[in-house]
PDB file of N, CA and C in Angstrom:
ATOM      1  N   MET A   1      91.073 108.539  65.034  1.00  0.00           N
ATOM      2  CA  MET A   1      90.421 109.656  65.687  1.00  0.00           C
ATOM      3  C   MET A   1      90.610 109.517  67.201  1.00  0.00           C
ATOM      4  N   PRO A   2      91.393 110.398  67.770  1.00  0.00           N
ATOM      5  CA  PRO A   2      91.669 110.293  69.206  1.00  0.00           C
ATOM      6  C   PRO A   2      90.535 110.838  70.069  1.00  0.00           C
ATOM      7  N   ILE A   3      90.459 110.301  71.280  1.00  0.00           N
ATOM      8  CA  ILE A   3      89.525 110.809  72.277  1.00  0.00           C
ATOM      9  C   ILE A   3      90.347 111.618  73.273  1.00  0.00           C
ATOM     10  N   TYR A   4      89.989 112.871  73.448  1.00  0.00           N
ATOM     11  CA  TYR A   4      90.694 113.745  74.380  1.00  0.00           C
ATOM     12  C   TYR A   4      89.818 114.028  75.586  1.00  0.00           C
ATOM     13  N   GLU A   5      90.464 114.233  76.722  1.00  0.00           N
ATOM     14  CA  GLU A   5      89.750 114.564  77.945  1.00  0.00           C
ATOM     15  C   GLU A   5      89.988 116.042  78.235  1.00  0.00           C
ATOM     16  N   TYR A   6      88.908 116.738  78.558  1.00  0.00           N
ATOM     17  CA  TYR A   6      88.961 118.178  78.823  1.00  0.00           C
ATOM     18  C   TYR A   6      88.351 118.477  80.185  1.00  0.00           C
ATOM     19  N   GLN A   7      88.744 119.619  80.741  1.00  0.00           N
ATOM     20  CA  GLN A   7      88.116 120.112  81.964  1.00  0.00           C
ATOM     21  C   GLN A   7      87.674 121.545  81.720  1.00  0.00           C
ATOM     22  N   CYS A   8      86.447 121.838  82.108  1.00  0.00           N
ATOM     23  CA  CYS A   8      85.905 123.185  81.957  1.00  0.00           C
ATOM     24  C   CYS A   8      86.493 124.069  83.051  1.00  0.00           C
ATOM     25  N   ASN A   9      86.994 125.224  82.667  1.00  0.00           N
ATOM     26  CA  ASN A   9      87.551 126.173  83.632  1.00  0.00           C
ATOM     27  C   ASN A   9      86.459 126.946  84.364  1.00  0.00           C
ATOM     28  N   ASP A  10      85.214 126.886  83.870  1.00  0.00           N
ATOM     29  CA  ASP A  10      84.116 127.609  84.510  1.00  0.00           C
ATOM     30  C   ASP A  10      83.371 126.750  85.535  1.00  0.00           C
ATOM     31  N   CYS A  11      83.038 125.505  85.175  1.00  0.00           N
ATOM     32  CA  CYS A  11      82.251 124.666  86.088  1.00  0.00           C
ATOM     33  C   CYS A  11      83.013 123.434  86.593  1.00  0.00           C
ATOM     34  N   ASN A  12      84.266 123.264  86.164  1.00  0.00           N
ATOM     35  CA  ASN A  12      85.147 122.155  86.568  1.00  0.00           C
ATOM     36  C   ASN A  12      84.673 120.777  86.123  1.00  0.00           C
ATOM     37  N   THR A  13      83.752 120.686  85.189  1.00  0.00           N
ATOM     38  CA  THR A  13      83.298 119.406  84.667  1.00  0.00           C
ATOM     39  C   THR A  13      84.391 118.790  83.798  1.00  0.00           C
ATOM     40  N   ILE A  14      84.622 117.487  83.966  1.00  0.00           N
ATOM     41  CA  ILE A  14      85.573 116.759  83.131  1.00  0.00           C
ATOM     42  C   ILE A  14      84.770 115.942  82.133  1.00  0.00           C
ATOM     43  N   PHE A  15      85.149 116.036  80.851  1.00  0.00           N
ATOM     44  CA  PHE A  15      84.412 115.339  79.804  1.00  0.00           C
ATOM     45  C   PHE A  15      85.363 114.908  78.710  1.00  0.00           C
ATOM     46  N   GLU A  16      84.921 113.950  77.893  1.00  0.00           N
ATOM     47  CA  GLU A  16      85.712 113.441  76.783  1.00  0.00           C
ATOM     48  C   GLU A  16      85.078 113.841  75.463  1.00  0.00           C
ATOM     49  N   ILE A  17      85.937 114.075  74.470  1.00  0.00           N
ATOM     50  CA  ILE A  17      85.473 114.439  73.134  1.00  0.00           C
ATOM     51  C   ILE A  17      86.245 113.606  72.113  1.00  0.00           C
ATOM     52  N   LEU A  18      85.530 113.020  71.172  1.00  0.00           N
ATOM     53  CA  LEU A  18      86.156 112.363  70.039  1.00  0.00           C
ATOM     54  C   LEU A  18      86.475 113.462  69.030  1.00  0.00           C
ATOM     55  N   VAL A  19      87.756 113.750  68.853  1.00  0.00           N
ATOM     56  CA  VAL A  19      88.169 114.867  68.015  1.00  0.00           C
ATOM     57  C   VAL A  19      88.512 114.365  66.623  1.00  0.00           C
ATOM     58  N   THR A  20      87.782 114.873  65.645  1.00  0.00           N
ATOM     59  CA  THR A  20      88.076 114.563  64.252  1.00  0.00           C
ATOM     60  C   THR A  20      88.770 115.775  63.632  1.00  0.00           C
ATOM     61  N   SER A  21      89.301 115.612  62.455  1.00  0.00           N
ATOM     62  CA  SER A  21      89.957 116.740  61.799  1.00  0.00           C
ATOM     63  C   SER A  21      88.949 117.849  61.478  1.00  0.00           C
ATOM     64  N   ALA A  22      87.696 117.484  61.275  1.00  0.00           N
ATOM     65  CA  ALA A  22      86.653 118.479  61.005  1.00  0.00           C
ATOM     66  C   ALA A  22      86.271 119.230  62.278  1.00  0.00           C
ATOM     67  N   THR A  23      86.286 118.521  63.429  1.00  0.00           N
ATOM     68  CA  THR A  23      85.914 119.156  64.693  1.00  0.00           C
ATOM     69  C   THR A  23      86.995 120.120  65.139  1.00  0.00           C
ATOM     70  N   GLY A  24      88.215 119.641  65.215  1.00  0.00           N
ATOM     71  CA  GLY A  24      89.326 120.475  65.671  1.00  0.00           C
ATOM     72  C   GLY A  24      89.214 120.781  67.149  1.00  0.00           C
ATOM     73  N   SER A  25      90.348 120.990  67.814  1.00  0.00           N
ATOM     74  CA  SER A  25      90.335 121.237  69.249  1.00  0.00           C
ATOM     75  C   SER A  25      89.945 122.670  69.594  1.00  0.00           C
ATOM     76  N   ASP A  26      89.882 123.577  68.609  1.00  0.00           N
ATOM     77  CA  ASP A  26      89.518 124.966  68.886  1.00  0.00           C
ATOM     78  C   ASP A  26      88.002 125.151  69.025  1.00  0.00           C
ATOM     79  N   LYS A  27      87.197 124.128  68.681  1.00  0.00           N
ATOM     80  CA  LYS A  27      85.742 124.246  68.742  1.00  0.00           C
ATOM     81  C   LYS A  27      85.144 123.445  69.896  1.00  0.00           C
ATOM     82  N   VAL A  28      85.954 123.030  70.866  1.00  0.00           N
ATOM     83  CA  VAL A  28      85.474 122.216  71.976  1.00  0.00           C
ATOM     84  C   VAL A  28      84.767 123.090  72.995  1.00  0.00           C
ATOM     85  N   VAL A  29      83.564 122.672  73.395  1.00  0.00           N
ATOM     86  CA  VAL A  29      82.810 123.377  74.432  1.00  0.00           C
ATOM     87  C   VAL A  29      82.418 122.376  75.508  1.00  0.00           C
ATOM     88  N   CYS A  30      82.217 122.869  76.709  1.00  0.00           N
ATOM     89  CA  CYS A  30      81.845 122.037  77.851  1.00  0.00           C
ATOM     90  C   CYS A  30      80.488 121.375  77.601  1.00  0.00           C
ATOM     91  N   SER A  31      80.421 120.085  77.891  1.00  0.00           N
ATOM     92  CA  SER A  31      79.174 119.355  77.700  1.00  0.00           C
ATOM     93  C   SER A  31      78.143 119.677  78.784  1.00  0.00           C
ATOM     94  N   HIS A  32      78.553 120.343  79.858  1.00  0.00           N
ATOM     95  CA  HIS A  32      77.643 120.672  80.957  1.00  0.00           C
ATOM     96  C   HIS A  32      77.093 122.099  80.853  1.00  0.00           C
ATOM     97  N   CYS A  33      78.008 123.069  80.634  1.00  0.00           N
ATOM     98  CA  CYS A  33      77.568 124.474  80.638  1.00  0.00           C
ATOM     99  C   CYS A  33      77.765 125.190  79.301  1.00  0.00           C
ATOM    100  N   ASN A  34      78.270 124.481  78.278  1.00  0.00           N
ATOM    101  CA  ASN A  34      78.505 125.023  76.933  1.00  0.00           C
ATOM    102  C   ASN A  34      79.544 126.131  76.883  1.00  0.00           C
ATOM    103  N   SER A  35      80.406 126.216  77.881  1.00  0.00           N
ATOM    104  CA  SER A  35      81.472 127.209  77.880  1.00  0.00           C
ATOM    105  C   SER A  35      82.608 126.751  76.967  1.00  0.00           C
ATOM    106  N   ALA A  36      83.221 127.692  76.287  1.00  0.00           N
ATOM    107  CA  ALA A  36      84.383 127.393  75.454  1.00  0.00           C
ATOM    108  C   ALA A  36      85.681 127.550  76.246  1.00  0.00           C
ATOM    109  N   ASN A  37      85.582 127.879  77.511  1.00  0.00           N
ATOM    110  CA  ASN A  37      86.742 128.068  78.380  1.00  0.00           C
ATOM    111  C   ASN A  37      87.153 126.714  78.962  1.00  0.00           C
ATOM    112  N   VAL A  38      87.740 125.858  78.118  1.00  0.00           N
ATOM    113  CA  VAL A  38      88.120 124.510  78.507  1.00  0.00           C
ATOM    114  C   VAL A  38      89.615 124.306  78.272  1.00  0.00           C
ATOM    115  N   ARG A  39      90.160 123.306  78.960  1.00  0.00           N
ATOM    116  CA  ARG A  39      91.570 122.967  78.749  1.00  0.00           C
ATOM    117  C   ARG A  39      91.704 121.460  78.640  1.00  0.00           C
ATOM    118  N   LYS A  40      92.640 121.025  77.807  1.00  0.00           N
ATOM    119  CA  LYS A  40      92.895 119.607  77.635  1.00  0.00           C
ATOM    120  C   LYS A  40      93.681 119.120  78.845  1.00  0.00           C
ATOM    121  N   ILE A  41      93.277 117.972  79.398  1.00  0.00           N
ATOM    122  CA  ILE A  41      93.976 117.431  80.559  1.00  0.00           C
ATOM    123  C   ILE A  41      94.566 116.073  80.211  1.00  0.00           C
ATOM    124  N   LEU A  42      95.514 115.643  81.010  1.00  0.00           N
ATOM    125  CA  LEU A  42      96.163 114.357  80.811  1.00  0.00           C
ATOM    126  C   LEU A  42      95.243 113.260  81.303  1.00  0.00           C
ATOM    127  N   SER A  43      94.868 112.375  80.416  1.00  0.00           N
ATOM    128  CA  SER A  43      93.951 111.297  80.761  1.00  0.00           C
ATOM    129  C   SER A  43      94.714 110.097  81.284  1.00  0.00           C
ATOM    130  N   SER A  44      94.214 109.498  82.344  1.00  0.00           N
ATOM    131  CA  SER A  44      94.876 108.322  82.903  1.00  0.00           C
ATOM    132  C   SER A  44      94.596 107.064  82.088  1.00  0.00           C
ATOM    133  N   SER A  45      93.654 107.118  81.181  1.00  0.00           N
ATOM    134  CA  SER A  45      93.323 105.929  80.397  1.00  0.00           C
ATOM    135  C   SER A  45      94.418 105.554  79.421  1.00  0.00           C
ATOM    136  N   GLY A  46      95.326 106.459  79.129  1.00  0.00           N
ATOM    137  CA  GLY A  46      96.412 106.169  78.217  1.00  0.00           C
ATOM    138  C   GLY A  46      97.568 105.446  78.860  1.00  0.00           C
ATOM    139  N   PHE A  47      97.546 105.271  80.163  1.00  0.00           N
ATOM    140  CA  PHE A  47      98.630 104.640  80.880  1.00  0.00           C
ATOM    141  C   PHE A  47      98.230 103.244  81.306  1.00  0.00           C
ATOM    142  N   LYS A  48      99.128 102.278  81.089  1.00  0.00           N
ATOM    143  CA  LYS A  48      98.879 100.908  81.507  1.00  0.00           C
ATOM    144  C   LYS A  48      99.988 100.510  82.478  1.00  0.00           C
ATOM    145  N   PRO A  49      99.668 100.450  83.767  1.00  0.00           N
ATOM    146  CA  PRO A  49     100.699 100.058  84.722  1.00  0.00           C
ATOM    147  C   PRO A  49     101.090  98.602  84.519  1.00  0.00           C
ATOM    148  N   ARG A  50     102.331  98.297  84.826  1.00  0.00           N
ATOM    149  CA  ARG A  50     102.812  96.938  84.691  1.00  0.00           C
ATOM    150  C   ARG A  50     102.145  96.068  85.745  1.00  0.00           C
ATOM    151  N   SER A  51     101.622  94.959  85.343  1.00  0.00           N
ATOM    152  CA  SER A  51     100.929  94.057  86.247  1.00  0.00           C
ATOM    153  C   SER A  51     101.919  93.370  87.177  1.00  0.00           C
ATOM    154  N   VAL A  52     101.556  93.242  88.441  1.00  0.00           N
ATOM    155  CA  VAL A  52     102.398  92.568  89.415  1.00  0.00           C
ATOM    156  C   VAL A  52     102.501  91.087  89.084  1.00  0.00           C
ATOM    157  N   SER A  53     101.447  90.504  88.537  1.00  0.00           N
ATOM    158  CA  SER A  53     101.425  89.076  88.241  1.00  0.00           C
ATOM    159  C   SER A  53     102.362  88.695  87.106  1.00  0.00           C
ATOM    160  N   SER A  54     102.910  89.673  86.359  1.00  0.00           N
ATOM    161  CA  SER A  54     103.802  89.353  85.261  1.00  0.00           C
ATOM    162  C   SER A  54     105.223  89.064  85.735  1.00  0.00           C
ATOM    163  N   ALA A  55     105.517  89.315  87.019  1.00  0.00           N
ATOM    164  CA  ALA A  55     106.848  89.041  87.559  1.00  0.00           C
ATOM    165  C   ALA A  55     107.002  87.542  87.784  1.00  0.00           C
ATOM    166  N   PRO A  56     108.205  87.015  87.574  1.00  0.00           N
ATOM    167  CA  PRO A  56     108.427  85.594  87.812  1.00  0.00           C
ATOM    168  C   PRO A  56     108.163  85.219  89.264  1.00  0.00           C
ATOM    169  N   THR A  57     107.736  83.990  89.503  1.00  0.00           N
ATOM    170  CA  THR A  57     107.461  83.532  90.858  1.00  0.00           C
ATOM    171  C   THR A  57     108.670  82.809  91.423  1.00  0.00           C
ATOM    172  N   GLY A  58     108.643  82.532  92.716  1.00  0.00           N
ATOM    173  CA  GLY A  58     109.718  81.781  93.342  1.00  0.00           C
ATOM    174  C   GLY A  58     110.881  82.649  93.758  1.00  0.00           C
ATOM    175  N   GLY A  59     110.727  83.938  93.805  1.00  0.00           N
ATOM    176  CA  GLY A  59     111.793  84.832  94.247  1.00  0.00           C
ATOM    177  C   GLY A  59     112.874  85.066  93.211  1.00  0.00           C
ATOM    178  N   GLN A  60     112.683  84.594  92.010  1.00  0.00           N
ATOM    179  CA  GLN A  60     113.686  84.794  90.963  1.00  0.00           C
ATOM    180  C   GLN A  60     113.232  85.923  90.061  1.00  0.00           C
ATOM    181  N   CYS A  61     114.056  86.937  89.962  1.00  0.00           N
ATOM    182  CA  CYS A  61     113.675  88.071  89.122  1.00  0.00           C
ATOM    183  C   CYS A  61     114.423  88.067  87.801  1.00  0.00           C
ATOM    184  N   GLY A  62     115.398  87.151  87.644  1.00  0.00           N
ATOM    185  CA  GLY A  62     116.147  87.113  86.389  1.00  0.00           C
ATOM    186  C   GLY A  62     117.280  88.102  86.367  1.00  0.00           C
ATOM    187  N   CYS A  63     117.526  88.793  87.457  1.00  0.00           N
ATOM    188  CA  CYS A  63     118.601  89.775  87.536  1.00  0.00           C
ATOM    189  C   CYS A  63     119.792  89.168  88.260  1.00  0.00           C
ATOM    190  N   LYS A  64     120.971  89.644  87.917  1.00  0.00           N
ATOM    191  CA  LYS A  64     122.174  89.216  88.634  1.00  0.00           C
ATOM    192  C   LYS A  64     122.198  89.895  89.991  1.00  0.00           C
ATOM    193  N   PRO A  65     122.716  89.238  91.011  1.00  0.00           N
ATOM    194  CA  PRO A  65     122.815  89.890  92.314  1.00  0.00           C
ATOM    195  C   PRO A  65     123.754  91.082  92.232  1.00  0.00           C
ATOM    196  N   SER A  66     123.406  92.121  92.988  1.00  0.00           N
ATOM    197  CA  SER A  66     124.244  93.313  92.958  1.00  0.00           C
ATOM    198  C   SER A  66     125.455  93.111  93.866  1.00  0.00           C
ATOM    199  N   GLY A  67     126.558  93.694  93.490  1.00  0.00           N
ATOM    200  CA  GLY A  67     127.782  93.596  94.283  1.00  0.00           C
ATOM    201  C   GLY A  67     128.531  92.296  94.010  1.00  0.00           C
ATOM    202  N   GLY A  68     129.782  92.280  94.346  1.00  0.00           N
ATOM    203  CA  GLY A  68     130.592  91.069  94.180  1.00  0.00           C
ATOM    204  C   GLY A  68     130.960  90.848  92.737  1.00  0.00           C
ATOM    205  N   PHE A  69     131.707  89.753  92.539  1.00  0.00           N
ATOM    206  CA  PHE A  69     132.136  89.402  91.180  1.00  0.00           C
ATOM    207  C   PHE A  69     131.392  88.163  90.735  1.00  0.00           C
ATOM    208  N   SER A  70     131.147  88.077  89.441  1.00  0.00           N
ATOM    209  CA  SER A  70     130.480  86.872  88.948  1.00  0.00           C
ATOM    210  C   SER A  70     131.285  86.212  87.876  1.00  0.00           C
TER     211      SER A  70
END
């Protein structure tokens, strides 16, 4: 059961809804003003940026130097 993030087009409130097959996305209403004029937005919680600490230390990146012949 996915959690979707919505924004109300009437009051601009951003809210999350756990959408089940019984609920369906056509029955979503704003949790603040009860308006059905809402749109699904892209949630940043689904993105995991690559951690800087996962890079090798000591200036070695594991890549071949660019240019020249090896």
